[in-house]
Protein backbone atom coordinates (compact mmCIF):
# COMPACT_ATOMS: atom_id res chain seq x y z
CA MET A 1 6.72 53.78 -68.42
CA LYS A 2 5.60 57.21 -69.82
CA ALA A 3 2.88 57.15 -72.48
CA MET A 4 4.24 58.15 -75.78
CA LEU A 5 1.84 61.12 -75.90
CA GLU A 6 1.72 62.22 -72.74
CA GLY A 7 0.88 65.91 -72.21
CA LYS A 8 0.54 66.17 -76.33
CA ARG A 9 -2.86 67.75 -78.00
CA ILE A 10 -3.72 66.11 -80.98
CA VAL A 11 -6.63 66.93 -83.22
CA VAL A 12 -7.93 64.52 -85.75
CA THR A 13 -10.27 65.06 -88.69
CA GLY A 14 -12.85 62.77 -89.98
CA ALA A 15 -13.29 61.46 -86.28
CA GLY A 16 -16.64 60.36 -86.30
CA GLN A 17 -15.97 56.49 -87.37
CA GLY A 18 -13.65 54.24 -89.10
CA ILE A 19 -10.07 55.12 -89.15
CA GLY A 20 -10.34 58.52 -87.89
CA ARG A 21 -12.15 57.08 -84.58
CA GLY A 22 -9.14 54.36 -84.48
CA ILE A 23 -6.80 57.11 -84.66
CA ALA A 24 -8.26 59.12 -82.10
CA GLN A 25 -8.81 56.10 -79.80
CA ALA A 26 -4.74 55.28 -80.29
CA VAL A 27 -3.54 58.57 -79.57
CA ALA A 28 -5.77 58.96 -76.16
CA GLU A 29 -4.43 55.34 -75.20
CA ALA A 30 -0.74 56.61 -76.00
CA GLY A 31 -1.65 59.92 -73.69
CA ALA A 32 -2.58 62.69 -75.57
CA ASP A 33 -5.90 64.71 -75.17
CA VAL A 34 -7.63 64.77 -78.45
CA GLY A 35 -9.78 67.49 -80.58
CA LEU A 36 -12.02 65.68 -82.51
CA ILE A 37 -13.48 67.48 -85.67
CA ASP A 38 -15.87 65.99 -88.34
CA LEU A 39 -18.46 67.33 -90.67
CA ASN A 40 -20.87 65.06 -89.57
CA ALA A 41 -21.21 65.59 -85.83
CA ASP A 42 -23.37 62.17 -85.35
CA GLY A 43 -20.44 59.76 -84.43
CA LEU A 44 -18.50 62.27 -82.34
CA GLY A 45 -20.04 61.33 -79.25
CA GLU A 46 -18.76 57.56 -79.60
CA THR A 47 -15.46 58.34 -80.81
CA ARG A 48 -15.60 60.87 -77.38
CA ARG A 49 -16.48 58.34 -75.26
CA LEU A 50 -13.47 56.17 -76.29
CA VAL A 51 -10.86 59.06 -75.76
CA GLU A 52 -12.57 59.58 -72.30
CA ASP A 53 -12.63 55.59 -71.49
CA ALA A 54 -8.82 56.00 -72.15
CA GLY A 55 -8.52 58.73 -69.31
CA ARG A 56 -7.90 61.73 -71.66
CA ARG A 57 -9.89 64.73 -72.43
CA ALA A 58 -11.46 65.28 -75.96
CA VAL A 59 -13.18 68.24 -77.65
CA GLU A 60 -15.85 67.79 -80.29
CA ILE A 61 -16.01 70.08 -82.95
CA ALA A 62 -18.56 69.77 -86.25
CA ALA A 63 -16.77 71.37 -89.34
CA ASN A 64 -16.07 71.10 -92.96
CA VAL A 65 -12.19 70.77 -93.83
CA VAL A 66 -12.65 72.77 -96.86
CA ASP A 67 -14.15 75.53 -95.04
CA THR A 68 -11.05 77.25 -93.84
CA ASP A 69 -12.85 79.96 -91.80
CA ALA A 70 -14.50 76.88 -90.15
CA MET A 71 -11.44 75.17 -89.37
CA SER A 72 -9.75 77.93 -88.28
CA ARG A 73 -12.59 78.54 -85.19
CA ALA A 74 -12.15 74.80 -84.51
CA ILE A 75 -8.32 75.23 -83.86
CA GLU A 76 -8.79 77.81 -81.96
CA ARG A 77 -11.57 76.06 -79.79
CA VAL A 78 -8.92 73.08 -79.56
CA VAL A 79 -6.03 75.55 -78.22
CA ALA A 80 -8.64 77.53 -75.88
CA ASP A 81 -10.33 74.01 -74.74
CA LEU A 82 -6.96 71.95 -73.96
CA GLY A 83 -4.21 74.54 -74.06
CA SER A 84 -2.21 73.84 -77.26
CA LEU A 85 -1.91 72.09 -80.73
CA ASP A 86 0.88 69.73 -80.86
CA GLY A 87 -0.06 67.51 -83.57
CA LEU A 88 -2.65 67.30 -86.22
CA VAL A 89 -4.08 63.93 -88.31
CA ASN A 90 -5.70 64.78 -91.60
CA ASN A 91 -7.81 61.61 -92.06
CA ALA A 92 -10.79 63.40 -93.32
CA GLY A 93 -11.63 62.34 -97.09
CA VAL A 94 -14.22 61.32 -99.61
CA ILE A 95 -14.46 58.82 -102.56
CA GLU A 96 -16.86 58.75 -105.40
CA MET A 97 -16.31 55.32 -107.03
CA GLN A 98 -16.60 55.61 -111.14
CA PRO A 99 -15.04 53.87 -114.25
CA ALA A 100 -11.97 56.30 -115.61
CA SER A 101 -14.20 56.66 -118.95
CA GLU A 102 -17.10 57.90 -116.66
CA VAL A 103 -15.43 60.49 -114.47
CA THR A 104 -17.24 64.02 -114.04
CA ARG A 105 -15.85 67.50 -113.53
CA ASP A 106 -18.17 67.33 -110.12
CA ALA A 107 -16.78 64.38 -108.68
CA TRP A 108 -13.22 65.31 -109.62
CA ASP A 109 -13.50 68.45 -108.15
CA LYS A 110 -15.52 67.32 -104.97
CA GLN A 111 -12.63 64.71 -104.09
CA PHE A 112 -9.59 66.92 -105.10
CA GLU A 113 -11.45 69.45 -102.91
CA VAL A 114 -11.61 67.49 -99.79
CA ASN A 115 -8.88 65.10 -100.17
CA VAL A 116 -6.03 67.67 -101.06
CA TRP A 117 -7.47 71.19 -100.57
CA GLY A 118 -8.89 70.36 -97.44
CA LEU A 119 -5.35 68.61 -96.20
CA MET A 120 -3.52 71.48 -97.45
CA SER A 121 -5.63 74.06 -95.54
CA CYS A 122 -5.49 71.95 -92.03
CA CYS A 123 -2.07 71.53 -92.61
CA GLN A 124 -1.58 75.59 -92.86
CA LEU A 125 -3.75 76.07 -89.92
CA ALA A 126 -1.71 73.73 -87.64
CA ALA A 127 1.95 74.88 -88.75
CA ARG A 128 0.82 78.33 -88.24
CA GLN A 129 -0.48 77.66 -84.57
CA MET A 130 2.56 75.47 -83.92
CA VAL A 131 5.13 78.40 -85.08
CA ALA A 132 2.75 80.88 -82.87
CA GLN A 133 3.56 78.68 -79.76
CA GLY A 134 6.84 78.30 -80.59
CA THR A 135 6.69 74.69 -79.93
CA PRO A 136 7.37 71.76 -82.26
CA GLY A 137 4.67 69.47 -83.79
CA ALA A 138 3.89 66.91 -85.98
CA ILE A 139 1.18 66.28 -88.57
CA VAL A 140 0.11 62.83 -90.14
CA ASN A 141 -1.52 62.78 -93.30
CA VAL A 142 -3.95 59.75 -94.06
CA ALA A 143 -3.04 59.11 -97.66
CA SER A 144 -3.74 55.61 -99.07
CA ASN A 145 -2.16 52.67 -100.67
CA ALA A 146 -4.30 53.69 -103.44
CA GLY A 147 -2.17 56.67 -104.11
CA LYS A 148 0.65 54.35 -104.67
CA VAL A 149 -0.97 51.28 -106.66
CA GLY A 150 -4.08 52.67 -108.55
CA TYR A 151 -7.10 50.71 -108.21
CA GLN A 152 -9.79 50.43 -110.93
CA ASN A 153 -12.84 52.73 -110.89
CA MET A 154 -10.98 55.02 -108.29
CA SER A 155 -8.87 57.02 -110.60
CA CYS A 156 -9.73 60.23 -109.12
CA TYR A 157 -9.42 58.81 -105.57
CA ASN A 158 -6.35 57.40 -106.44
CA ALA A 159 -4.87 60.84 -107.71
CA THR A 160 -5.84 62.66 -104.80
CA LYS A 161 -3.79 60.47 -102.48
CA ALA A 162 -0.89 60.35 -105.02
CA ALA A 163 -1.30 64.06 -104.28
CA VAL A 164 -0.94 63.71 -100.85
CA ILE A 165 1.73 61.46 -100.41
CA ASN A 166 3.83 63.87 -102.76
CA LEU A 167 2.59 67.34 -100.75
CA THR A 168 3.82 65.42 -97.53
CA ARG A 169 7.12 65.19 -99.06
CA THR A 170 7.07 68.85 -100.20
CA LEU A 171 5.67 69.97 -96.81
CA SER A 172 8.37 67.98 -94.84
CA THR A 173 11.36 69.81 -96.50
CA GLU A 174 9.78 72.85 -96.09
CA TRP A 175 8.77 73.16 -92.32
CA SER A 176 11.26 70.93 -90.70
CA GLY A 177 13.18 74.09 -89.96
CA GLN A 178 10.14 75.19 -88.12
CA GLY A 179 10.35 72.26 -85.93
CA ILE A 180 7.26 70.51 -87.46
CA ASN A 181 7.82 66.52 -88.56
CA VAL A 182 4.84 65.95 -91.42
CA ASN A 183 4.66 62.31 -93.03
CA ALA A 184 1.78 60.17 -94.34
CA VAL A 185 0.42 56.44 -93.70
CA CYS A 186 -0.89 54.52 -96.65
CA PRO A 187 -3.58 52.51 -95.32
CA GLY A 188 -5.44 49.40 -97.23
CA GLY A 189 -7.79 46.65 -96.50
CA VAL A 190 -9.20 48.74 -93.61
CA GLU A 191 -12.51 47.56 -91.83
CA THR A 192 -14.50 50.67 -92.62
CA PRO A 193 -17.60 51.98 -93.97
CA MET A 194 -15.97 53.52 -96.91
CA LEU A 195 -14.47 49.83 -97.69
CA LYS A 196 -17.83 48.23 -97.60
CA ARG A 197 -19.77 51.11 -99.43
CA ALA A 198 -16.47 50.53 -102.36
CA ALA A 199 -17.18 46.58 -102.22
CA ALA A 200 -21.29 47.35 -102.19
CA TRP A 201 -20.72 49.47 -105.53
CA VAL A 202 -18.70 46.93 -107.00
CA ALA A 203 -20.65 44.03 -106.24
CA GLU A 204 -23.81 45.74 -107.91
CA ARG A 205 -21.98 45.85 -111.04
CA ILE A 206 -20.86 42.59 -111.54
CA ASP A 207 -23.64 40.69 -109.73
CA LEU A 208 -21.48 39.29 -106.70
CA ASP A 209 -22.59 39.29 -103.13
CA ALA A 210 -21.41 42.57 -101.30
CA ASP A 211 -20.30 40.68 -98.17
CA GLY A 212 -19.05 38.06 -100.01
CA LEU A 213 -16.75 40.54 -102.13
CA TYR A 214 -15.93 43.04 -98.88
CA ALA A 215 -14.50 39.84 -97.10
CA GLY A 216 -12.24 39.35 -99.85
CA MET A 217 -11.03 42.87 -99.68
CA LYS A 218 -8.31 42.06 -96.92
CA PRO A 219 -4.57 42.22 -97.25
CA ASN A 220 -3.31 39.14 -99.27
CA LEU A 221 -1.11 38.24 -96.73
CA MET A 222 -3.37 38.10 -93.94
CA GLU A 223 -6.65 36.66 -92.61
CA ARG A 224 -8.56 39.21 -91.92
CA HIS A 225 -9.08 42.99 -92.60
CA ILE A 226 -6.72 45.69 -90.71
CA ARG A 227 -8.63 47.28 -87.59
CA PRO A 228 -8.68 51.22 -87.93
CA ILE A 229 -6.77 51.27 -84.47
CA GLU A 230 -4.06 49.44 -85.77
CA VAL A 231 -3.44 52.31 -88.42
CA GLY A 232 -4.27 54.63 -85.34
CA ARG A 233 -0.81 53.12 -83.21
CA VAL A 234 1.49 53.59 -86.23
CA VAL A 235 0.17 57.30 -86.65
CA ALA A 236 0.52 57.67 -82.93
CA PHE A 237 4.26 56.69 -83.05
CA LEU A 238 4.81 59.28 -85.93
CA LEU A 239 3.38 62.12 -83.85
CA SER A 240 5.68 61.34 -80.86
CA ASP A 241 9.06 62.16 -80.19
CA GLN A 242 10.38 59.22 -81.14
CA ALA A 243 9.54 59.60 -84.61
CA ILE A 244 12.05 62.44 -85.40
CA ILE A 245 13.93 60.89 -87.58
CA ILE A 246 11.06 59.78 -89.78
CA ARG A 247 10.62 62.53 -92.04
CA GLY A 248 8.78 63.29 -95.48
CA GLN A 249 7.70 59.20 -95.57
CA SER A 250 4.49 57.72 -96.43
CA ILE A 251 4.05 54.63 -94.57
CA ASN A 252 2.33 51.67 -95.93
CA VAL A 253 -0.16 50.07 -93.48
CA ASP A 254 -1.78 47.60 -95.65
CA GLY A 255 -0.65 44.32 -94.30
CA GLY A 256 1.92 43.79 -97.04
CA ASP A 257 -0.34 44.93 -99.90
CA THR A 258 2.04 47.34 -101.38
CA PRO A 259 5.70 46.71 -102.24
CA TYR A 260 7.30 50.26 -101.75
């Protein structure tokens, strides 16, 4: 049976850990070569090992998604080393926990710069490359169920992810005629360093054990956290030609927590 992404070249941002690493591993298992991009290069070596263990090629690049020139060079290197760009996964993101009454302008700007502008800029670069190649492609944005639910102490992060959900729909309608399919996933309850940091922040303020609080931050309908590679396998499908009828959607991958 032919692998779902055989012959594809996919870029994953924020690939050094967490969901990004799981996505890179999943798309490699589905047959793709992978461009691995992260601001912090420390974790990229382990992600590369997982990609190569799956029998695929990987390119490691340290770059900041808000630096358009650096990301343009990163895309150029992926194309030069791997041969083309067939898909982009926008996973890089940041969160700063604050009660809504204490949100600062700096925290607001930082999260919107990375989570929305960085994502938009990467989408533009990828779309231009795909159009220049004259080949169809796919983009998957990693939003969050926070963009639909609106969790406490995360008002800015929630707003950025709601923006990603809307932007996904907009880009899908604008770029479908150019052969670019755009969708998003909305994870929740995933076993990641980001979720552990959020648990630690909350636990410190309500005098609870951070590990115990983290253990309870799983989907209500599951007995465990979601694993990053499980999110990755949904992303791999959305990048494939088999997902051609799914367009502009923001699909929950949160174990059933979000009802729409």
